[in-house]
Amino acid sequence: MTTLSYTFPSTTSSSSSTRRFLITSNGSSCRRRPNISTEDQPCSSSACYQGAVQSYGLQRQRVQLNGISKAVRTRRLDSVGRQKKGAIRCNIELQDFIGGDLIKPDLGQWLSDVEEHKAIAIYSPHEGGYEGRYLTRLKYQGYHFLDLSARGLGDPETTLTKFHPVCPAHVGKQPIARWYFPPEVDYRLSLLPPDAKGLVVWIIEAKVLSKAELQFLALLPTLRPNVRVIAECGNWRKFMWKPLKEIADLSQS
């Protein structure tokens, strides 16, 4: 059994005192009985109860209005946020839907430039993948590939066209040994099938090479007529290429 005490203002204008009621709940039934003291002024219990109900109704309406105003403000902020987000515009092209590496109308120009200049410096996008289409088109023409990395290549002239020494790791226990390997380009040319069109030396990370090393790569097709050189000299927003002689300052000589 729970007993709660409430104090309500008197509804009579002549008295300034208050009247107390006790609300006793026992299980599911509730009954209200007045707690009248000697100093309390006489008043009607129904009038006090009606005043309490009215005050409680006003408070409930005030809470509902506060909740409605808060919901309206939240909805207004959300609408403003959606309007700001919708103001962003992105340029969408046909390549964004079917793959940018599938639409390459410059593949014919690529093949003609490779046959004309024989040494090409390419600049591919940072995300990669676009150069595979151009590599595959050269493979369709009958070229074979020698993939090398410019980091750790050493002297390009010695590695590609001469017998060159290689020192394997000795881990601090074995004596320092030196092994001699055949020239990479001449060895691969000797292994080409009779129906092959030529050998493409594809060098990645060629941006770390010096100008003298790039000049030798630009002159390599002159020394080996069946060799084509493709050097990745940097990155750009789209796939582009230039003759390697222009990059190595050999175009005027």
C-alpha atoms as a PDB file:
ATOM      1  CA  MET A   1       0.000   0.000   0.000  1.00  0.00           C
ATOM      2  CA  THR A   2       1.410   3.395  -1.096  1.00  0.00           C
ATOM      3  CA  THR A   3       0.368   6.716   0.380  1.00  0.00           C
ATOM      4  CA  LEU A   4       1.115   9.995  -1.391  1.00  0.00           C
ATOM      5  CA  SER A   5       0.509  13.480   0.001  1.00  0.00           C
ATOM      6  CA  TYR A   6      -0.415  16.374  -2.289  1.00  0.00           C
ATOM      7  CA  THR A   7      -0.897  20.032  -1.350  1.00  0.00           C
ATOM      8  CA  PHE A   8      -3.232  22.104  -3.528  1.00  0.00           C
ATOM      9  CA  PRO A   9      -4.038  25.794  -3.246  1.00  0.00           C
ATOM     10  CA  SER A  10      -7.452  26.630  -1.914  1.00  0.00           C
ATOM     11  CA  THR A  11      -9.984  27.686  -4.535  1.00  0.00           C
ATOM     12  CA  THR A  12     -11.720  30.122  -2.180  1.00  0.00           C
ATOM     13  CA  SER A  13     -10.658  33.717  -2.490  1.00  0.00           C
ATOM     14  CA  SER A  14     -11.204  34.528   1.166  1.00  0.00           C
ATOM     15  CA  SER A  15      -8.669  32.080   2.545  1.00  0.00           C
ATOM     16  CA  SER A  16      -4.959  31.938   1.831  1.00  0.00           C
ATOM     17  CA  SER A  17      -4.274  28.585   3.495  1.00  0.00           C
ATOM     18  CA  THR A  18      -3.880  25.202   1.734  1.00  0.00           C
ATOM     19  CA  ARG A  19      -5.754  21.927   1.963  1.00  0.00           C
ATOM     20  CA  ARG A  20      -3.996  18.530   2.075  1.00  0.00           C
ATOM     21  CA  PHE A  21      -5.266  15.261   0.608  1.00  0.00           C
ATOM     22  CA  LEU A  22      -3.909  11.749   1.011  1.00  0.00           C
ATOM     23  CA  ILE A  23      -4.125   9.409  -1.969  1.00  0.00           C
ATOM     24  CA  THR A  24      -3.824   5.813  -0.840  1.00  0.00           C
ATOM     25  CA  SER A  25      -3.340   3.055  -3.415  1.00  0.00           C
ATOM     26  CA  ASN A  26      -3.838  -0.574  -2.443  1.00  0.00           C
ATOM     27  CA  GLY A  27      -3.245  -2.882  -5.380  1.00  0.00           C
ATOM     28  CA  SER A  28      -5.510  -1.889  -8.250  1.00  0.00           C
ATOM     29  CA  SER A  29      -7.912   0.266  -6.194  1.00  0.00           C
ATOM     30  CA  CYS A  30      -7.237   3.862  -5.190  1.00  0.00           C
ATOM     31  CA  ARG A  31      -9.157   6.058  -2.791  1.00  0.00           C
ATOM     32  CA  ARG A  32      -8.693   9.653  -1.792  1.00  0.00           C
ATOM     33  CA  ARG A  33      -9.392  10.954   1.682  1.00  0.00           C
ATOM     34  CA  PRO A  34      -8.776  14.425   3.037  1.00  0.00           C
ATOM     35  CA  ASN A  35      -6.319  15.044   5.809  1.00  0.00           C
ATOM     36  CA  ILE A  36      -7.994  17.931   7.572  1.00  0.00           C
ATOM     37  CA  SER A  37      -6.177  19.698  10.348  1.00  0.00           C
ATOM     38  CA  THR A  38      -7.529  22.210  12.766  1.00  0.00           C
ATOM     39  CA  GLU A  39      -5.826  25.137  11.060  1.00  0.00           C
ATOM     40  CA  ASP A  40      -7.104  24.244   7.567  1.00  0.00           C
ATOM     41  CA  GLN A  41      -9.864  26.382   6.174  1.00  0.00           C
ATOM     42  CA  PRO A  42     -13.007  24.617   5.013  1.00  0.00           C
ATOM     43  CA  CYS A  43     -13.190  24.119   1.240  1.00  0.00           C
ATOM     44  CA  SER A  44     -14.850  21.829  -1.225  1.00  0.00           C
ATOM     45  CA  SER A  45     -12.875  18.666  -1.984  1.00  0.00           C
ATOM     46  CA  SER A  46     -14.269  18.455  -5.525  1.00  0.00           C
ATOM     47  CA  ALA A  47     -13.117  21.983  -6.281  1.00  0.00           C
ATOM     48  CA  CYS A  48      -9.591  21.210  -5.080  1.00  0.00           C
ATOM     49  CA  TYR A  49      -9.494  18.058  -7.146  1.00  0.00           C
ATOM     50  CA  GLN A  50     -10.657  19.904 -10.254  1.00  0.00           C
ATOM     51  CA  GLY A  51      -7.946  22.520  -9.741  1.00  0.00           C
ATOM     52  CA  ALA A  52      -5.305  19.808  -9.456  1.00  0.00           C
ATOM     53  CA  VAL A  53      -6.570  18.159 -12.622  1.00  0.00           C
ATOM     54  CA  GLN A  54      -6.492  21.449 -14.508  1.00  0.00           C
ATOM     55  CA  SER A  55      -2.952  22.238 -13.383  1.00  0.00           C
ATOM     56  CA  TYR A  56      -1.815  18.750 -14.374  1.00  0.00           C
ATOM     57  CA  GLY A  57      -3.495  19.144 -17.778  1.00  0.00           C
ATOM     58  CA  LEU A  58      -1.722  22.457 -18.359  1.00  0.00           C
ATOM     59  CA  GLN A  59       1.616  20.934 -17.496  1.00  0.00           C
ATOM     60  CA  ARG A  60       0.957  18.022 -19.839  1.00  0.00           C
ATOM     61  CA  GLN A  61       0.019  20.370 -22.689  1.00  0.00           C
ATOM     62  CA  ARG A  62       3.175  22.407 -22.040  1.00  0.00           C
ATOM     63  CA  VAL A  63       5.326  19.249 -22.275  1.00  0.00           C
ATOM     64  CA  GLN A  64       3.592  18.240 -25.506  1.00  0.00           C
ATOM     65  CA  LEU A  65       4.141  21.689 -27.023  1.00  0.00           C
ATOM     66  CA  ASN A  66       7.820  21.584 -26.070  1.00  0.00           C
ATOM     67  CA  GLY A  67       8.160  18.184 -27.717  1.00  0.00           C
ATOM     68  CA  ILE A  68       6.409  19.388 -30.885  1.00  0.00           C
ATOM     69  CA  SER A  69       8.600  22.485 -31.140  1.00  0.00           C
ATOM     70  CA  LYS A  70      11.735  20.391 -30.660  1.00  0.00           C
ATOM     71  CA  ALA A  71      10.628  17.977 -33.375  1.00  0.00           C
ATOM     72  CA  VAL A  72       9.959  20.892 -35.745  1.00  0.00           C
ATOM     73  CA  ARG A  73      13.410  22.361 -35.094  1.00  0.00           C
ATOM     74  CA  THR A  74      15.065  18.986 -35.672  1.00  0.00           C
ATOM     75  CA  ARG A  75      13.163  18.475 -38.901  1.00  0.00           C
ATOM     76  CA  ARG A  76      14.109  21.961 -40.073  1.00  0.00           C
ATOM     77  CA  LEU A  77      17.793  21.334 -39.360  1.00  0.00           C
ATOM     78  CA  ASP A  78      17.629  18.014 -41.179  1.00  0.00           C
ATOM     79  CA  SER A  79      16.049  19.669 -44.204  1.00  0.00           C
ATOM     80  CA  VAL A  80      18.747  22.348 -44.235  1.00  0.00           C
ATOM     81  CA  GLY A  81      21.435  19.653 -44.000  1.00  0.00           C
ATOM     82  CA  ARG A  82      19.880  17.771 -46.898  1.00  0.00           C
ATOM     83  CA  GLN A  83      19.781  20.918 -48.964  1.00  0.00           C
ATOM     84  CA  LYS A  84      23.469  21.559 -48.270  1.00  0.00           C
ATOM     85  CA  LYS A  85      24.379  18.009 -49.172  1.00  0.00           C
ATOM     86  CA  GLY A  86      22.354  18.178 -52.357  1.00  0.00           C
ATOM     87  CA  ALA A  87      24.257  21.273 -53.467  1.00  0.00           C
ATOM     88  CA  ILE A  88      27.391  19.201 -54.155  1.00  0.00           C
ATOM     89  CA  ARG A  89      27.773  18.348 -57.835  1.00  0.00           C
ATOM     90  CA  CYS A  90      29.976  15.655 -59.372  1.00  0.00           C
ATOM     91  CA  ASN A  91      30.869  15.376 -63.017  1.00  0.00           C
ATOM     92  CA  ILE A  92      29.772  11.919 -64.146  1.00  0.00           C
ATOM     93  CA  GLU A  93      30.790  10.598 -67.527  1.00  0.00           C
ATOM     94  CA  LEU A  94      30.111   7.441 -69.459  1.00  0.00           C
ATOM     95  CA  GLN A  95      33.458   6.025 -68.373  1.00  0.00           C
ATOM     96  CA  ASP A  96      32.283   6.009 -64.742  1.00  0.00           C
ATOM     97  CA  PHE A  97      29.579   3.457 -65.545  1.00  0.00           C
ATOM     98  CA  ILE A  98      31.311   0.962 -67.849  1.00  0.00           C
ATOM     99  CA  GLY A  99      34.956   1.336 -66.761  1.00  0.00           C
ATOM    100  CA  GLY A 100      37.423   4.006 -67.755  1.00  0.00           C
ATOM    101  CA  ASP A 101      39.961   1.483 -69.018  1.00  0.00           C
ATOM    102  CA  LEU A 102      37.525   0.028 -71.564  1.00  0.00           C
ATOM    103  CA  ILE A 103      37.076   3.223 -73.576  1.00  0.00           C
ATOM    104  CA  LYS A 104      40.436   4.044 -75.096  1.00  0.00           C
ATOM    105  CA  PRO A 105      40.116   5.625 -78.547  1.00  0.00           C
ATOM    106  CA  ASP A 106      43.844   6.439 -78.542  1.00  0.00           C
ATOM    107  CA  LEU A 107      45.079   2.835 -78.748  1.00  0.00           C
ATOM    108  CA  GLY A 108      45.770   3.217 -82.456  1.00  0.00           C
ATOM    109  CA  GLN A 109      47.852   6.320 -81.815  1.00  0.00           C
ATOM    110  CA  TRP A 110      49.645   4.416 -79.063  1.00  0.00           C
ATOM    111  CA  LEU A 111      50.699   1.618 -81.415  1.00  0.00           C
ATOM    112  CA  SER A 112      51.859   4.029 -84.090  1.00  0.00           C
ATOM    113  CA  ASP A 113      53.918   6.077 -81.608  1.00  0.00           C
ATOM    114  CA  VAL A 114      55.580   2.943 -80.232  1.00  0.00           C
ATOM    115  CA  GLU A 115      56.575   1.879 -83.742  1.00  0.00           C
ATOM    116  CA  GLU A 116      57.754   5.375 -84.641  1.00  0.00           C
ATOM    117  CA  HIS A 117      59.688   6.440 -81.529  1.00  0.00           C
ATOM    118  CA  LYS A 118      60.507   2.922 -80.176  1.00  0.00           C
ATOM    119  CA  ALA A 119      61.186   4.361 -76.700  1.00  0.00           C
ATOM    120  CA  ILE A 120      58.227   5.833 -74.819  1.00  0.00           C
ATOM    121  CA  ALA A 121      57.906   7.514 -71.411  1.00  0.00           C
ATOM    122  CA  ILE A 122      54.438   6.938 -69.953  1.00  0.00           C
ATOM    123  CA  TYR A 123      52.570   8.698 -67.160  1.00  0.00           C
ATOM    124  CA  SER A 124      49.722   6.708 -65.626  1.00  0.00           C
ATOM    125  CA  PRO A 125      47.089   7.644 -62.984  1.00  0.00           C
ATOM    126  CA  HIS A 126      47.923   7.009 -59.340  1.00  0.00           C
ATOM    127  CA  GLU A 127      45.228   4.358 -58.894  1.00  0.00           C
ATOM    128  CA  GLY A 128      46.852   2.206 -61.582  1.00  0.00           C
ATOM    129  CA  GLY A 129      45.305  -0.324 -63.907  1.00  0.00           C
ATOM    130  CA  TYR A 130      45.037   1.824 -67.033  1.00  0.00           C
ATOM    131  CA  GLU A 131      48.423   0.854 -68.408  1.00  0.00           C
ATOM    132  CA  GLY A 132      47.265  -2.770 -68.640  1.00  0.00           C
ATOM    133  CA  ARG A 133      45.141  -1.980 -71.706  1.00  0.00           C
ATOM    134  CA  TYR A 134      48.118  -0.563 -73.586  1.00  0.00           C
ATOM    135  CA  LEU A 135      50.334  -3.449 -72.516  1.00  0.00           C
ATOM    136  CA  THR A 136      47.744  -5.960 -73.707  1.00  0.00           C
ATOM    137  CA  ARG A 137      47.426  -4.251 -77.085  1.00  0.00           C
ATOM    138  CA  LEU A 138      51.179  -4.563 -77.590  1.00  0.00           C
ATOM    139  CA  LYS A 139      50.931  -8.221 -76.612  1.00  0.00           C
ATOM    140  CA  TYR A 140      48.256  -8.715 -79.281  1.00  0.00           C
ATOM    141  CA  GLN A 141      50.714  -7.354 -81.841  1.00  0.00           C
ATOM    142  CA  GLY A 142      53.167 -10.171 -81.042  1.00  0.00           C
ATOM    143  CA  TYR A 143      55.537  -8.516 -78.581  1.00  0.00           C
ATOM    144  CA  HIS A 144      57.056 -10.295 -75.587  1.00  0.00           C
ATOM    145  CA  PHE A 145      57.820  -8.474 -72.356  1.00  0.00           C
ATOM    146  CA  LEU A 146      60.717  -8.086 -69.962  1.00  0.00           C
ATOM    147  CA  ASP A 147      59.486  -6.444 -66.763  1.00  0.00           C
ATOM    148  CA  LEU A 148      62.132  -4.730 -64.650  1.00  0.00           C
ATOM    149  CA  SER A 149      62.151  -2.288 -61.751  1.00  0.00           C
ATOM    150  CA  ALA A 150      64.383   0.754 -61.864  1.00  0.00           C
ATOM    151  CA  ARG A 151      65.092   0.394 -58.137  1.00  0.00           C
ATOM    152  CA  GLY A 152      68.014  -1.983 -57.803  1.00  0.00           C
ATOM    153  CA  LEU A 153      68.575  -2.142 -61.544  1.00  0.00           C
ATOM    154  CA  GLY A 154      72.099  -0.806 -61.234  1.00  0.00           C
ATOM    155  CA  ASP A 155      73.760   0.447 -64.392  1.00  0.00           C
ATOM    156  CA  PRO A 156      71.216  -0.092 -67.209  1.00  0.00           C
ATOM    157  CA  GLU A 157      73.877  -0.460 -69.868  1.00  0.00           C
ATOM    158  CA  THR A 158      75.752  -3.137 -67.938  1.00  0.00           C
ATOM    159  CA  THR A 159      72.652  -5.000 -66.810  1.00  0.00           C
ATOM    160  CA  LEU A 160      70.854  -5.052 -70.145  1.00  0.00           C
ATOM    161  CA  THR A 161      73.627  -5.424 -72.724  1.00  0.00           C
ATOM    162  CA  LYS A 162      76.710  -6.835 -70.929  1.00  0.00           C
ATOM    163  CA  PHE A 163      77.742  -9.640 -68.620  1.00  0.00           C
ATOM    164  CA  HIS A 164      77.292  -8.219 -65.158  1.00  0.00           C
ATOM    165  CA  PRO A 165      78.230  -9.431 -61.666  1.00  0.00           C
ATOM    166  CA  VAL A 166      75.708 -10.084 -58.919  1.00  0.00           C
ATOM    167  CA  CYS A 167      76.689 -10.501 -55.260  1.00  0.00           C
ATOM    168  CA  PRO A 168      74.224 -12.702 -53.332  1.00  0.00           C
ATOM    169  CA  ALA A 169      73.485 -11.985 -49.691  1.00  0.00           C
ATOM    170  CA  HIS A 170      76.033 -13.684 -47.425  1.00  0.00           C
ATOM    171  CA  VAL A 171      74.250 -12.949 -44.086  1.00  0.00           C
ATOM    172  CA  GLY A 172      77.599 -12.172 -42.464  1.00  0.00           C
ATOM    173  CA  LYS A 173      78.726 -15.834 -42.361  1.00  0.00           C
ATOM    174  CA  GLN A 174      79.658 -16.891 -45.884  1.00  0.00           C
ATOM    175  CA  PRO A 175      82.453 -15.231 -47.884  1.00  0.00           C
ATOM    176  CA  ILE A 176      81.391 -12.520 -50.316  1.00  0.00           C
ATOM    177  CA  ALA A 177      80.833 -14.277 -53.636  1.00  0.00           C
ATOM    178  CA  ARG A 178      80.300 -12.825 -57.090  1.00  0.00           C
ATOM    179  CA  TRP A 179      78.160 -14.463 -59.741  1.00  0.00           C
ATOM    180  CA  TYR A 180      78.101 -13.378 -63.379  1.00  0.00           C
ATOM    181  CA  PHE A 181      74.887 -13.254 -65.343  1.00  0.00           C
ATOM    182  CA  PRO A 182      74.361 -12.837 -69.105  1.00  0.00           C
ATOM    183  CA  PRO A 183      72.918  -9.585 -70.465  1.00  0.00           C
ATOM    184  CA  GLU A 184      69.186  -9.487 -69.846  1.00  0.00           C
ATOM    185  CA  VAL A 185      68.135  -8.140 -73.241  1.00  0.00           C
ATOM    186  CA  ASP A 186      70.384 -10.385 -75.328  1.00  0.00           C
ATOM    187  CA  TYR A 187      69.379 -13.432 -73.297  1.00  0.00           C
ATOM    188  CA  ARG A 188      65.659 -12.732 -73.760  1.00  0.00           C
ATOM    189  CA  LEU A 189      66.119 -12.020 -77.459  1.00  0.00           C
ATOM    190  CA  SER A 190      67.726 -15.405 -77.898  1.00  0.00           C
ATOM    191  CA  LEU A 191      64.672 -17.070 -76.339  1.00  0.00           C
ATOM    192  CA  LEU A 192      62.052 -15.368 -78.510  1.00  0.00           C
ATOM    193  CA  PRO A 193      59.986 -17.640 -80.760  1.00  0.00           C
ATOM    194  CA  PRO A 194      60.322 -17.182 -84.526  1.00  0.00           C
ATOM    195  CA  ASP A 195      56.883 -15.561 -84.871  1.00  0.00           C
ATOM    196  CA  ALA A 196      57.556 -12.899 -82.193  1.00  0.00           C
ATOM    197  CA  LYS A 197      57.554  -9.313 -83.339  1.00  0.00           C
ATOM    198  CA  GLY A 198      60.046  -8.095 -80.782  1.00  0.00           C
ATOM    199  CA  LEU A 199      60.855  -7.554 -77.106  1.00  0.00           C
ATOM    200  CA  VAL A 200      59.377  -4.782 -74.962  1.00  0.00           C
ATOM    201  CA  VAL A 201      61.492  -3.743 -71.976  1.00  0.00           C
ATOM    202  CA  TRP A 202      58.912  -2.390 -69.521  1.00  0.00           C
ATOM    203  CA  ILE A 203      60.609  -0.505 -66.672  1.00  0.00           C
ATOM    204  CA  ILE A 204      58.546   0.542 -63.684  1.00  0.00           C
ATOM    205  CA  GLU A 205      59.531   3.362 -61.286  1.00  0.00           C
ATOM    206  CA  ALA A 206      61.778   4.885 -63.938  1.00  0.00           C
ATOM    207  CA  LYS A 207      61.383   8.276 -62.254  1.00  0.00           C
ATOM    208  CA  VAL A 208      64.323   7.386 -59.978  1.00  0.00           C
ATOM    209  CA  LEU A 209      66.724   7.063 -62.921  1.00  0.00           C
ATOM    210  CA  SER A 210      69.159   9.811 -63.778  1.00  0.00           C
ATOM    211  CA  LYS A 211      69.187  11.654 -67.075  1.00  0.00           C
ATOM    212  CA  ALA A 212      72.178   9.673 -68.317  1.00  0.00           C
ATOM    213  CA  GLU A 213      70.396   6.397 -67.609  1.00  0.00           C
ATOM    214  CA  LEU A 214      67.273   7.617 -69.397  1.00  0.00           C
ATOM    215  CA  GLN A 215      69.415   8.599 -72.371  1.00  0.00           C
ATOM    216  CA  PHE A 216      70.798   5.085 -72.631  1.00  0.00           C
ATOM    217  CA  LEU A 217      67.268   3.626 -72.496  1.00  0.00           C
ATOM    218  CA  ALA A 218      66.233   6.006 -75.272  1.00  0.00           C
ATOM    219  CA  LEU A 219      69.160   4.796 -77.411  1.00  0.00           C
ATOM    220  CA  LEU A 220      68.667   1.091 -76.632  1.00  0.00           C
ATOM    221  CA  PRO A 221      66.316   0.458 -79.614  1.00  0.00           C
ATOM    222  CA  THR A 222      69.054   1.827 -81.870  1.00  0.00           C
ATOM    223  CA  LEU A 223      71.522  -0.725 -80.473  1.00  0.00           C
ATOM    224  CA  ARG A 224      68.967  -3.568 -80.541  1.00  0.00           C
ATOM    225  CA  PRO A 225      66.479  -3.039 -83.401  1.00  0.00           C
ATOM    226  CA  ASN A 226      63.991  -5.629 -82.115  1.00  0.00           C
ATOM    227  CA  VAL A 227      63.689  -3.944 -78.701  1.00  0.00           C
ATOM    228  CA  ARG A 228      61.070  -1.400 -77.610  1.00  0.00           C
ATOM    229  CA  VAL A 229      61.411   0.486 -74.322  1.00  0.00           C
ATOM    230  CA  ILE A 230      58.495   1.624 -72.167  1.00  0.00           C
ATOM    231  CA  ALA A 231      59.505   3.569 -69.027  1.00  0.00           C
ATOM    232  CA  GLU A 232      57.057   4.662 -66.310  1.00  0.00           C
ATOM    233  CA  CYS A 233      58.465   8.100 -65.550  1.00  0.00           C
ATOM    234  CA  GLY A 234      55.704   9.448 -63.311  1.00  0.00           C
ATOM    235  CA  ASN A 235      51.993   9.868 -62.756  1.00  0.00           C
ATOM    236  CA  TRP A 236      49.288  12.058 -64.211  1.00  0.00           C
ATOM    237  CA  ARG A 237      45.517  12.448 -64.026  1.00  0.00           C
ATOM    238  CA  LYS A 238      45.040  10.392 -67.168  1.00  0.00           C
ATOM    239  CA  PHE A 239      47.207   8.001 -69.135  1.00  0.00           C
ATOM    240  CA  MET A 240      49.590   9.913 -71.382  1.00  0.00           C
ATOM    241  CA  TRP A 241      52.954   9.307 -73.034  1.00  0.00           C
ATOM    242  CA  LYS A 242      55.834  11.151 -74.647  1.00  0.00           C
ATOM    243  CA  PRO A 243      58.902  10.069 -76.603  1.00  0.00           C
ATOM    244  CA  LEU A 244      61.654   9.132 -74.184  1.00  0.00           C
ATOM    245  CA  LYS A 245      64.130  11.237 -76.138  1.00  0.00           C
ATOM    246  CA  GLU A 246      62.213  14.375 -75.187  1.00  0.00           C
ATOM    247  CA  ILE A 247      62.355  13.449 -71.507  1.00  0.00           C
ATOM    248  CA  ALA A 248      66.084  12.696 -71.720  1.00  0.00           C
ATOM    249  CA  ASP A 249      66.863  15.867 -73.753  1.00  0.00           C
ATOM    250  CA  LEU A 250      67.914  13.926 -76.865  1.00  0.00           C
ATOM    251  CA  SER A 251      65.256  15.211 -79.253  1.00  0.00           C
ATOM    252  CA  GLN A 252      67.514  17.952 -80.724  1.00  0.00           C
ATOM    253  CA  SER A 253      70.657  15.853 -81.083  1.00  0.00           C
END
